[in-house]
Protein backbone atom coordinates (compact mmCIF):
# COMPACT_ATOMS: atom_id res chain seq x y z
CA MET A 1 -19.83 2.47 3.36
CA LYS A 2 -19.48 1.94 -0.42
CA LYS A 3 -21.07 5.36 -1.00
CA LYS A 4 -18.53 6.97 1.47
CA TYR A 5 -15.71 5.23 -0.43
CA GLN A 6 -16.99 6.26 -3.84
CA LYS A 7 -17.45 9.85 -2.72
CA ALA A 8 -13.86 10.10 -1.53
CA VAL A 9 -12.60 8.59 -4.78
CA LEU A 10 -14.66 11.01 -6.87
CA GLU A 11 -13.38 14.02 -4.90
CA ALA A 12 -9.73 12.90 -5.42
CA LEU A 13 -10.36 12.19 -9.21
CA ASN A 14 -11.85 15.67 -9.56
CA ARG A 15 -8.86 17.18 -7.81
CA THR A 16 -6.32 15.48 -10.04
CA ARG A 17 -8.09 15.11 -13.35
CA ASN A 18 -6.42 18.13 -15.02
CA ILE A 19 -2.86 17.60 -13.66
CA LYS A 20 -0.48 17.25 -16.60
CA THR A 21 2.04 14.47 -16.44
CA GLU A 22 5.52 14.09 -17.87
CA ASN A 23 7.54 10.96 -18.55
CA LEU A 24 10.03 9.60 -16.00
CA LEU A 25 13.63 10.14 -17.25
CA GLU A 26 16.95 8.90 -16.20
CA GLU A 27 17.86 12.35 -14.88
CA ASP A 28 14.90 12.05 -12.48
CA ILE A 29 16.40 9.13 -10.67
CA ARG A 30 20.07 10.01 -10.46
CA HIS A 31 19.78 11.13 -6.82
CA LEU A 32 18.44 7.80 -5.66
CA PRO A 33 20.52 4.78 -4.26
CA GLU A 34 21.86 2.65 -7.01
CA ILE A 35 19.54 -0.38 -6.06
CA ILE A 36 16.44 1.91 -6.31
CA GLN A 37 17.60 3.09 -9.71
CA LYS A 38 18.09 -0.57 -10.75
CA TYR A 39 14.57 -1.39 -9.49
CA LEU A 40 13.01 1.42 -11.43
CA ARG A 41 14.72 0.22 -14.61
CA TYR A 42 13.67 -3.36 -13.80
CA VAL A 43 10.06 -2.64 -13.42
CA GLY A 44 10.01 -0.59 -16.58
CA ALA A 45 9.23 2.85 -15.20
CA ILE A 46 11.72 4.85 -17.22
CA GLY A 47 10.14 6.49 -20.26
CA LYS A 48 6.59 6.07 -18.98
CA GLU A 49 4.33 8.65 -17.41
CA LYS A 50 4.91 9.79 -13.87
CA ILE A 51 2.14 8.55 -11.66
CA ILE A 52 -0.69 10.81 -10.36
CA ASN A 53 -2.93 8.03 -9.16
CA PHE A 54 -3.55 4.29 -9.62
CA ARG A 55 -6.40 1.87 -9.20
CA ALA A 56 -5.56 -1.70 -8.05
CA GLU A 57 -7.68 -4.80 -7.63
CA PHE A 58 -6.72 -7.67 -5.35
CA LYS A 59 -8.06 -11.09 -4.35
CA GLY A 60 -6.78 -12.97 -1.28
CA GLY A 61 -7.53 -13.88 2.31
CA ILE A 62 -7.34 -12.37 5.85
CA ARG A 63 -7.64 -13.82 9.37
CA SER A 64 -7.36 -12.58 12.89
CA LYS A 65 -5.62 -15.58 14.48
CA SER A 66 -2.95 -17.93 13.08
CA THR A 67 -5.24 -20.90 13.87
CA ASP A 68 -8.13 -19.52 11.76
CA GLU A 69 -8.64 -20.28 8.12
CA TYR A 70 -8.34 -17.29 5.79
CA MET A 71 -11.53 -15.42 5.02
CA LYS A 72 -11.63 -14.88 1.25
CA LEU A 73 -11.73 -11.34 0.06
CA ARG A 74 -11.68 -8.98 -2.90
CA SER A 75 -10.59 -5.45 -2.72
CA VAL A 76 -10.15 -2.39 -4.86
CA GLN A 77 -8.26 0.80 -4.00
CA TYR A 78 -7.32 4.16 -5.42
CA ASN A 79 -4.09 5.89 -4.39
CA PHE A 80 -3.22 9.54 -5.24
CA THR A 81 0.20 11.10 -5.11
CA ASP A 82 -0.48 14.85 -5.28
CA LYS A 83 -1.70 14.70 -1.69
CA PRO A 84 -0.93 11.30 -0.44
CA THR A 85 -4.30 9.50 -0.38
CA ARG A 86 -5.35 5.80 -0.10
CA LEU A 87 -8.93 4.80 -0.54
CA PHE A 88 -9.50 1.05 0.00
CA TYR A 89 -12.70 -0.90 -0.23
CA ILE A 90 -12.91 -4.61 0.74
CA VAL A 91 -15.58 -7.30 0.57
CA ALA A 92 -15.09 -10.64 2.39
CA LYS A 93 -17.21 -13.53 3.63
CA LYS A 94 -16.97 -15.66 6.71
CA MET A 95 -19.34 -18.63 7.14
CA GLY A 96 -21.40 -17.14 4.27
CA ILE A 97 -21.90 -13.80 6.00
CA PRO A 98 -20.58 -10.86 4.06
CA ALA A 99 -18.24 -8.28 5.65
CA ILE A 100 -17.47 -4.83 4.08
CA GLY A 101 -14.54 -2.71 5.03
CA ILE A 102 -13.06 0.63 4.15
CA HIS A 103 -9.67 2.25 4.78
CA LEU A 104 -9.72 5.97 3.99
CA TYR A 105 -6.42 7.94 4.34
CA ARG A 106 -6.61 11.67 3.50
CA ASN A 107 -4.72 14.65 4.87
CA ALA A 108 -2.56 12.34 6.91
CA GLN A 109 -5.63 11.12 8.77
CA ALA A 110 -7.04 7.55 8.53
CA ILE A 111 -10.11 5.62 9.39
CA PHE A 112 -10.77 1.91 9.19
CA GLN A 113 -14.30 0.55 9.50
CA ILE A 114 -15.77 -2.93 9.03
CA LYS A 115 -19.41 -3.90 9.04
CA ILE A 116 -20.88 -7.40 9.20
CA ALA A 117 -23.88 -8.01 6.90
CA GLY A 118 -23.88 -4.30 6.00
CA LEU A 119 -25.38 -3.38 9.40
CA ILE A 120 -23.24 -4.28 12.44
CA LYS A 121 -20.12 -2.16 12.86
CA VAL A 122 -17.32 -4.42 14.39
CA VAL A 123 -14.41 -2.16 13.77
CA ASP A 124 -14.15 1.63 13.87
CA ALA A 125 -10.51 2.69 14.12
CA LYS A 126 -9.11 6.10 13.98
CA GLY A 127 -6.55 8.25 15.81
CA GLN A 128 -2.80 8.73 16.01
CA GLU A 129 -1.95 5.01 15.62
CA MET A 130 -4.14 4.60 12.60
CA ASN A 131 -2.72 7.79 10.99
CA GLN A 132 0.84 6.60 11.44
CA GLY A 133 0.12 3.03 10.51
CA GLU A 134 -1.68 3.99 7.28
CA THR A 135 1.20 6.27 6.42
CA VAL A 136 3.33 3.17 6.37
CA THR A 137 0.76 1.43 4.14
CA VAL A 138 0.79 4.34 1.67
CA PHE A 139 4.56 4.12 1.43
CA ASN A 140 4.44 0.33 1.01
CA ASP A 141 1.98 0.88 -1.96
CA MET A 142 4.38 3.34 -3.50
CA CYS A 143 7.19 0.82 -3.30
CA PHE A 144 5.44 -2.14 -4.71
CA LEU A 145 2.52 -0.80 -6.85
CA ALA A 146 3.88 2.51 -8.05
CA PRO A 147 7.68 2.36 -8.06
CA ALA A 148 7.96 5.56 -10.22
CA THR A 149 6.76 7.52 -7.19
CA LEU A 150 9.98 6.73 -5.27
CA ILE A 151 11.45 9.95 -6.73
CA ASP A 152 9.20 11.76 -4.26
CA LYS A 153 10.96 14.57 -2.51
CA ASN A 154 9.39 13.56 0.83
CA ILE A 155 11.45 10.35 0.84
CA SER A 156 15.01 10.29 2.25
CA TRP A 157 17.25 7.34 1.60
CA GLU A 158 20.17 5.60 3.38
CA THR A 159 22.11 2.76 1.65
CA ILE A 160 22.90 -0.12 3.98
CA ASP A 161 24.45 -2.45 1.50
CA PRO A 162 24.25 -3.03 -2.25
CA LEU A 163 20.84 -4.79 -1.84
CA THR A 164 19.40 -3.04 1.17
CA VAL A 165 18.24 0.50 1.89
CA ASN A 166 16.50 2.36 4.73
CA ALA A 167 13.85 4.97 3.84
CA LYS A 168 12.00 7.73 5.67
CA PHE A 169 8.73 9.03 4.25
CA THR A 170 7.05 12.20 5.47
CA ASN A 171 3.49 13.25 4.96
CA GLU A 172 2.51 16.44 6.76
CA ASP A 173 3.54 15.98 10.48
CA ILE A 174 4.07 12.16 10.22
CA THR A 175 7.42 10.54 9.35
CA ILE A 176 7.72 6.77 9.12
CA GLY A 177 10.65 4.45 8.42
CA ALA A 178 11.06 1.30 6.53
CA THR A 179 13.86 -1.13 5.38
CA LEU A 180 13.66 -2.33 1.74
CA PHE A 181 15.31 -5.57 0.59
CA PHE A 182 16.18 -6.49 -2.99
CA ASN A 183 17.56 -9.43 -4.87
CA ALA A 184 20.39 -9.36 -7.44
CA LYS A 185 17.87 -8.93 -10.33
CA GLY A 186 16.65 -5.73 -8.88
CA GLU A 187 13.28 -7.06 -7.47
CA LEU A 188 11.96 -5.57 -4.29
CA ILE A 189 11.44 -8.75 -2.23
CA ASN A 190 10.70 -7.55 1.32
CA PHE A 191 9.68 -4.39 3.23
CA ILE A 192 9.92 -4.03 7.01
CA SER A 193 8.62 -1.16 9.17
CA LYS A 194 8.53 -0.74 12.87
CA ASP A 195 6.07 2.10 12.60
CA ARG A 196 2.78 0.25 12.01
CA PHE A 197 0.32 -1.11 14.67
CA GLU A 198 -1.72 -4.26 14.87
CA THR A 199 -5.31 -3.86 15.98
CA ILE A 200 -8.22 -6.36 15.96
CA ASP A 201 -11.03 -3.95 17.16
CA GLY A 202 -9.72 -0.44 16.52
CA LYS A 203 -9.47 0.21 20.22
CA SER A 204 -6.30 -1.43 21.35
CA TYR A 205 -3.03 -1.21 19.39
CA LYS A 206 0.23 -3.16 19.52
CA ASN A 207 3.42 -2.13 17.88
CA PHE A 208 5.15 -5.06 16.14
CA PRO A 209 7.42 -5.03 13.08
CA TRP A 210 5.34 -5.21 9.96
CA ILE A 211 6.74 -7.38 7.11
CA THR A 212 5.42 -7.72 3.54
CA PRO A 213 7.47 -10.31 1.53
CA ALA A 214 6.57 -10.16 -2.16
CA ALA A 215 7.18 -12.44 -5.16
CA GLY A 216 5.94 -13.47 -8.56
CA TYR A 217 7.10 -10.55 -10.64
CA ARG A 218 5.28 -10.35 -13.97
CA GLU A 219 4.07 -7.89 -16.56
CA ILE A 220 1.00 -6.06 -15.38
CA SER A 221 -0.29 -3.00 -17.22
CA GLY A 222 3.06 -2.32 -18.87
CA PHE A 223 5.12 -2.71 -15.67
CA ARG A 224 6.95 -5.64 -14.14
CA LEU A 225 5.46 -5.81 -10.64
CA ALA A 226 5.28 -8.25 -7.78
CA SER A 227 1.96 -10.14 -8.13
CA SER A 228 1.70 -11.66 -4.59
CA ALA A 229 2.51 -10.61 -1.07
CA LYS A 230 2.02 -11.66 2.55
CA LEU A 231 1.27 -9.32 5.47
CA ILE A 232 2.99 -10.33 8.60
CA TYR A 233 3.33 -8.99 12.16
CA LYS A 234 6.45 -10.18 13.88
CA ARG A 235 5.09 -10.89 17.29
CA PRO A 236 7.30 -11.94 20.25
CA ASP A 237 5.83 -15.45 20.05
CA GLU A 238 5.33 -15.91 16.31
CA ASP A 239 5.48 -14.38 12.79
CA PHE A 240 1.70 -13.93 12.42
CA CYS A 241 0.67 -13.89 8.68
CA TYR A 242 -2.71 -12.29 8.78
CA GLY A 243 -3.17 -11.60 5.03
CA GLU A 244 -2.28 -12.98 1.59
CA PHE A 245 -2.92 -10.83 -1.42
CA GLU A 246 -2.68 -11.38 -5.21
CA LEU A 247 -2.68 -8.40 -7.53
CA GLU A 248 -5.18 -8.99 -10.40
CA ASN A 249 -5.10 -5.62 -12.14
CA ILE A 250 -3.72 -2.17 -11.92
CA GLU A 251 -4.39 0.99 -13.90
CA TYR A 252 -2.42 4.28 -13.72
CA ASN A 253 -3.53 7.94 -14.10
CA CYS A 254 -7.19 7.19 -13.95
CA LYS A 255 -9.69 9.84 -14.84
CA GLU A 256 -12.97 8.19 -13.96
CA LEU A 257 -14.46 6.03 -11.20
CA LYS A 258 -14.94 2.35 -11.94
């Protein structure tokens, strides 16, 4: 699984290595809703290079039921913006037994696989629901981890009020929607989409609102970013928080695999 992940990253790095970048300017953001402009200024995106790709490292925990303890994890991911791509590798442990997972999203198609002890495949998810759901995740990453990418021509915006906007993001034949919530400082504090699916085994899918409240804005690699987030499905009977993540490091416009 790690080799499959690394191969996908190397292919994307080779594809983007020679793309020249320009700096993000005020004129690039004038078409955006005022709160998105404020957010981009707040995070410090103006005057810095536009983003071709990024590499992010997280630590945190995941669980499959609200009564379970969180299973500790570490993850690393590469995202690419020329052709929306998200390559995610995760290592976790439960009762001392290692679990390895990959999310690979390329050409608007996604797979999600988990193996226990490196041998037993317990999740093998793919198909229309995964493709749509990972498109939501890609857009969520753009919003929180790479705000400069919100100038993308494939995003359409609708202002709801001074601190709230609706967005639609299109990649190939998939269009997803989300609502973004900001505070008065210009921090993005919540993201809700009704276009993502919950699955435990990769076979059955349920469509619940997906919510990712974020906090702890601090300086990371020259940008002021949210350092922590929760992953929540709003089920009819509960708000199920299945993941908590803390951003440890992020690098932009990478040239090599780490």
